N, C-alpha and C. Protein backbone atom coordinates (compact mmCIF):
# COMPACT_ATOMS: atom_id res chain seq x y z
N MET A 1 -26.84 20.53 23.03
CA MET A 1 -27.95 21.39 23.14
C MET A 1 -27.48 22.75 23.93
N ILE A 2 -26.90 22.49 25.43
CA ILE A 2 -26.87 23.79 25.54
C ILE A 2 -26.28 24.87 25.10
N THR A 3 -25.28 24.60 24.43
CA THR A 3 -23.61 24.93 23.37
C THR A 3 -25.32 26.48 22.31
N ILE A 4 -25.82 26.01 22.11
CA ILE A 4 -26.70 25.96 20.62
C ILE A 4 -27.86 26.50 21.59
N TRP A 5 -28.16 26.93 22.74
CA TRP A 5 -29.63 27.32 23.10
C TRP A 5 -28.27 28.85 23.87
N THR A 6 -26.57 28.42 24.59
CA THR A 6 -25.68 29.54 24.84
C THR A 6 -26.05 30.72 23.62
N ALA A 7 -25.73 29.83 22.64
CA ALA A 7 -25.19 31.28 21.28
C ALA A 7 -26.73 31.75 21.42
N GLY A 8 -27.06 30.99 20.88
CA GLY A 8 -28.59 31.73 20.67
C GLY A 8 -29.07 32.73 22.08
N ILE A 9 -28.35 32.84 22.92
CA ILE A 9 -29.15 34.24 24.00
C ILE A 9 -27.43 34.97 23.59
N LEU A 10 -26.52 34.73 23.19
CA LEU A 10 -25.79 35.61 22.94
C LEU A 10 -25.50 36.61 21.66
N GLY A 11 -26.56 35.75 20.77
CA GLY A 11 -26.76 35.80 19.41
C GLY A 11 -27.47 37.18 20.00
N ALA A 12 -28.59 36.88 20.86
CA ALA A 12 -29.77 38.06 20.80
C ALA A 12 -29.31 38.91 21.95
N GLY A 13 -28.34 38.79 22.42
CA GLY A 13 -27.51 39.95 23.69
C GLY A 13 -27.24 40.92 22.43
N GLY A 14 -26.41 40.04 21.30
CA GLY A 14 -25.25 40.82 21.51
C GLY A 14 -26.23 42.42 20.11
N ALA A 15 -27.02 41.47 19.35
CA ALA A 15 -28.53 42.06 18.77
C ALA A 15 -28.57 43.16 18.98
N LEU A 16 -29.50 42.76 20.48
CA LEU A 16 -29.67 43.83 20.86
C LEU A 16 -28.74 44.77 21.14
N MET A 17 -27.40 44.79 21.71
CA MET A 17 -26.33 45.49 22.04
C MET A 17 -26.79 46.81 20.67
N LEU A 18 -26.13 46.52 19.50
CA LEU A 18 -26.32 46.69 18.30
C LEU A 18 -27.62 47.30 17.99
N TYR A 19 -28.65 46.95 18.13
CA TYR A 19 -29.17 47.74 18.38
C TYR A 19 -29.33 50.40 19.04
N MET A 20 -29.93 49.18 20.39
CA MET A 20 -29.17 49.99 21.33
C MET A 20 -28.49 50.84 20.74
N ALA A 21 -27.43 50.98 20.07
CA ALA A 21 -26.20 51.79 19.59
C ALA A 21 -26.71 52.98 18.40
N SER A 22 -28.15 52.17 17.41
CA SER A 22 -28.57 52.78 16.69
C SER A 22 -29.93 54.24 17.44
N PRO A 23 -28.67 55.31 16.55
CA PRO A 23 -29.26 56.42 16.52
C PRO A 23 -30.48 56.39 17.03
N ALA A 24 -31.70 55.67 16.24
CA ALA A 24 -33.43 55.37 15.98
C ALA A 24 -33.95 54.66 16.59
N GLN A 25 -32.77 53.97 18.27
CA GLN A 25 -33.52 53.13 19.23
C GLN A 25 -34.59 54.00 19.98
N GLN A 26 -35.78 52.53 20.59
CA GLN A 26 -37.16 53.58 20.93
C GLN A 26 -36.58 52.69 22.79
N LEU A 27 -35.43 51.68 22.77
CA LEU A 27 -35.53 51.32 24.48
C LEU A 27 -35.13 52.27 25.89
N ARG A 28 -34.78 53.22 25.33
CA ARG A 28 -34.03 54.38 26.01
C ARG A 28 -34.59 55.50 26.43
N LYS A 29 -34.42 56.68 27.07
CA LYS A 29 -34.48 57.76 26.24
C LYS A 29 -33.57 58.55 25.94
N LYS A 30 -31.89 58.68 26.41
CA LYS A 30 -31.22 58.77 26.09
C LYS A 30 -30.30 57.18 25.75
N ARG A 31 -29.43 57.85 24.91
CA ARG A 31 -28.28 56.09 23.77
C ARG A 31 -27.54 55.83 25.01
N PRO A 32 -27.37 54.92 25.43
CA PRO A 32 -26.00 54.38 25.63
C PRO A 32 -25.10 54.44 24.67
N ALA A 33 -23.48 54.67 25.42
CA ALA A 33 -22.26 55.01 24.86
C ALA A 33 -22.81 54.40 23.41
N PHE A 34 -22.30 54.65 22.32
CA PHE A 34 -21.86 54.08 20.99
C PHE A 34 -20.90 53.05 21.04
N ARG A 35 -19.19 53.53 20.96
CA ARG A 35 -18.43 52.56 21.36
C ARG A 35 -18.45 51.35 22.46
N LEU A 36 -19.44 51.74 23.81
CA LEU A 36 -19.04 49.96 24.28
C LEU A 36 -20.31 49.16 23.49
N CYS A 37 -21.44 50.01 23.00
CA CYS A 37 -22.57 49.22 22.95
C CYS A 37 -22.13 48.57 21.29
N MET A 38 -21.06 48.90 19.73
CA MET A 38 -20.91 48.83 18.92
C MET A 38 -19.62 47.05 19.56
N ILE A 39 -18.73 47.33 20.10
CA ILE A 39 -17.89 46.25 20.97
C ILE A 39 -18.53 45.09 22.09
N SER A 40 -19.69 45.65 21.88
CA SER A 40 -19.79 44.61 23.20
C SER A 40 -20.57 43.28 22.23
N GLY A 41 -21.88 44.49 21.44
CA GLY A 41 -22.56 43.69 20.40
C GLY A 41 -21.83 43.05 19.54
N SER A 42 -20.75 43.64 18.88
CA SER A 42 -19.91 42.36 18.01
C SER A 42 -19.37 41.80 18.88
N THR A 43 -18.82 41.24 19.99
CA THR A 43 -18.08 39.95 20.36
C THR A 43 -19.45 39.49 20.77
N LEU A 44 -19.91 40.08 20.90
CA LEU A 44 -21.34 38.84 21.84
C LEU A 44 -22.01 38.05 20.25
N LEU A 45 -21.57 38.88 19.63
CA LEU A 45 -22.21 38.09 17.86
C LEU A 45 -21.48 37.03 16.93
N CYS A 46 -19.84 37.80 17.84
CA CYS A 46 -18.57 36.91 17.20
C CYS A 46 -18.81 35.62 17.71
N VAL A 47 -19.14 35.36 19.14
CA VAL A 47 -18.78 33.83 20.26
C VAL A 47 -20.16 33.88 19.87
N SER A 48 -21.13 34.05 19.51
CA SER A 48 -22.34 33.30 19.68
C SER A 48 -22.61 33.02 17.49
N LEU A 49 -21.79 33.63 16.54
CA LEU A 49 -21.51 32.50 15.52
C LEU A 49 -20.09 31.18 15.69
N LEU A 50 -19.31 32.06 16.69
CA LEU A 50 -18.24 30.67 16.47
C LEU A 50 -19.35 29.58 17.98
N MET A 51 -19.90 29.30 18.46
CA MET A 51 -20.27 28.59 18.69
C MET A 51 -21.49 27.55 18.46
N LEU A 52 -22.21 28.03 17.51
CA LEU A 52 -22.82 27.51 16.28
C LEU A 52 -22.19 27.21 15.23
N LEU A 53 -21.12 27.66 14.33
CA LEU A 53 -20.45 26.82 14.04
C LEU A 53 -19.52 25.34 14.43
N ALA A 54 -19.60 25.88 15.70
CA ALA A 54 -18.38 25.03 16.54
C ALA A 54 -19.06 23.42 16.61
N SER A 55 -21.08 23.83 16.50
CA SER A 55 -21.36 22.89 17.15
C SER A 55 -22.44 21.75 15.84
N GLU A 56 -22.19 22.79 15.35
CA GLU A 56 -22.99 22.20 13.51
C GLU A 56 -22.90 22.48 12.56
N GLY A 57 -23.40 21.92 10.83
CA GLY A 57 -22.55 22.42 9.75
C GLY A 57 -22.65 23.96 9.61
N SER A 58 -21.44 24.23 8.92
CA SER A 58 -21.76 25.74 8.92
C SER A 58 -22.59 25.93 8.07
N GLY A 59 -24.12 25.43 7.30
CA GLY A 59 -24.91 25.85 6.46
C GLY A 59 -25.40 26.63 7.59
N THR A 60 -25.93 25.46 8.37
CA THR A 60 -26.73 25.31 9.97
C THR A 60 -26.72 26.41 10.51
N ALA A 61 -25.51 26.73 10.83
CA ALA A 61 -25.39 27.84 11.60
C ALA A 61 -25.06 29.36 11.81
N VAL A 62 -24.95 29.47 10.55
CA VAL A 62 -24.86 30.32 9.66
C VAL A 62 -27.04 30.80 9.77
N SER A 63 -27.59 29.98 8.89
CA SER A 63 -28.42 30.29 8.37
C SER A 63 -30.16 30.54 9.82
N GLU A 64 -28.78 29.65 10.43
CA GLU A 64 -29.91 29.66 12.01
C GLU A 64 -29.77 31.45 12.63
N PHE A 65 -27.98 32.22 12.33
CA PHE A 65 -27.58 32.80 12.91
C PHE A 65 -28.22 34.32 12.63
N LEU A 66 -27.92 34.26 11.33
CA LEU A 66 -28.99 35.12 10.88
C LEU A 66 -30.54 35.46 10.87
N THR A 67 -30.95 34.19 10.60
CA THR A 67 -32.38 34.33 11.42
C THR A 67 -32.87 35.10 12.51
N LEU A 68 -31.94 35.12 13.42
CA LEU A 68 -31.55 34.70 15.19
C LEU A 68 -31.19 36.81 15.19
N ILE A 69 -30.94 37.57 14.64
CA ILE A 69 -30.50 38.38 14.56
C ILE A 69 -31.16 38.97 13.12
N MET A 70 -31.98 39.06 12.39
CA MET A 70 -33.39 38.67 11.90
C MET A 70 -34.17 38.47 13.01
N ILE A 71 -34.39 38.04 13.16
CA ILE A 71 -35.52 38.62 14.19
C ILE A 71 -36.62 39.48 15.67
N VAL A 72 -34.16 39.28 15.85
CA VAL A 72 -34.11 40.56 17.20
C VAL A 72 -34.52 41.63 16.72
N TRP A 73 -33.93 42.11 15.32
CA TRP A 73 -34.19 43.46 14.89
C TRP A 73 -35.30 43.68 14.09
N SER A 74 -35.77 43.28 13.94
CA SER A 74 -37.35 43.42 13.57
C SER A 74 -38.56 43.16 14.42
N LEU A 75 -38.45 42.43 15.72
CA LEU A 75 -39.37 42.28 17.14
C LEU A 75 -38.93 43.42 17.87
N VAL A 76 -38.04 43.81 17.88
CA VAL A 76 -37.98 44.29 19.64
C VAL A 76 -37.41 45.91 19.04
N PRO A 77 -37.30 46.69 17.64
CA PRO A 77 -37.87 47.80 17.61
C PRO A 77 -39.03 48.09 17.60
N LEU A 78 -40.29 47.32 16.95
CA LEU A 78 -41.84 46.92 17.06
C LEU A 78 -42.20 47.30 18.44
N ALA A 79 -41.71 45.98 19.07
CA ALA A 79 -42.08 46.41 20.94
C ALA A 79 -41.91 47.56 21.38
N ALA A 80 -40.70 47.81 21.05
CA ALA A 80 -40.62 48.50 22.10
C ALA A 80 -40.80 50.42 21.57
N ALA A 81 -41.66 50.73 20.47
CA ALA A 81 -42.15 51.52 19.87
C ALA A 81 -44.42 51.44 19.80
N VAL A 82 -44.22 50.29 20.34
CA VAL A 82 -45.55 49.82 21.33
C VAL A 82 -45.57 50.35 22.43
N TRP A 83 -44.39 49.52 22.80
CA TRP A 83 -44.35 49.96 25.14
C TRP A 83 -44.23 51.32 25.06
N ARG A 84 -43.33 52.11 23.76
CA ARG A 84 -43.47 53.28 24.33
C ARG A 84 -44.78 54.60 24.20
N ARG A 85 -45.36 53.90 23.00
CA ARG A 85 -47.30 54.56 23.03
C ARG A 85 -47.95 54.56 24.30
N ARG A 86 -47.82 53.04 24.90
CA ARG A 86 -48.71 52.79 26.09
C ARG A 86 -48.16 53.58 27.54
N MET A 87 -47.23 53.43 27.21
CA MET A 87 -46.76 54.54 28.20
C MET A 87 -46.57 55.67 28.64
N SER A 88 -46.84 56.17 27.18
CA SER A 88 -47.31 57.30 27.29
C SER A 88 -48.37 57.49 27.29
């Protein structure tokens, strides 16, 4: 169970890092270093997927992994836009 939660946290962090590499990201005014975000995000996502594959069946692991990154990539931009609008 701890492995699944750790994989989820690592996966969410990796998806967030890849979002930060996007030129359209709205979390920060200045985009962080592209290469750093891409390498760390990709590494975190790979580790997350490998942890899920080690603890569950392949179909379940891939489904959970894709659902997690889909949720992060859908909700974080929306939340960032709403938050930025309130702060302005």
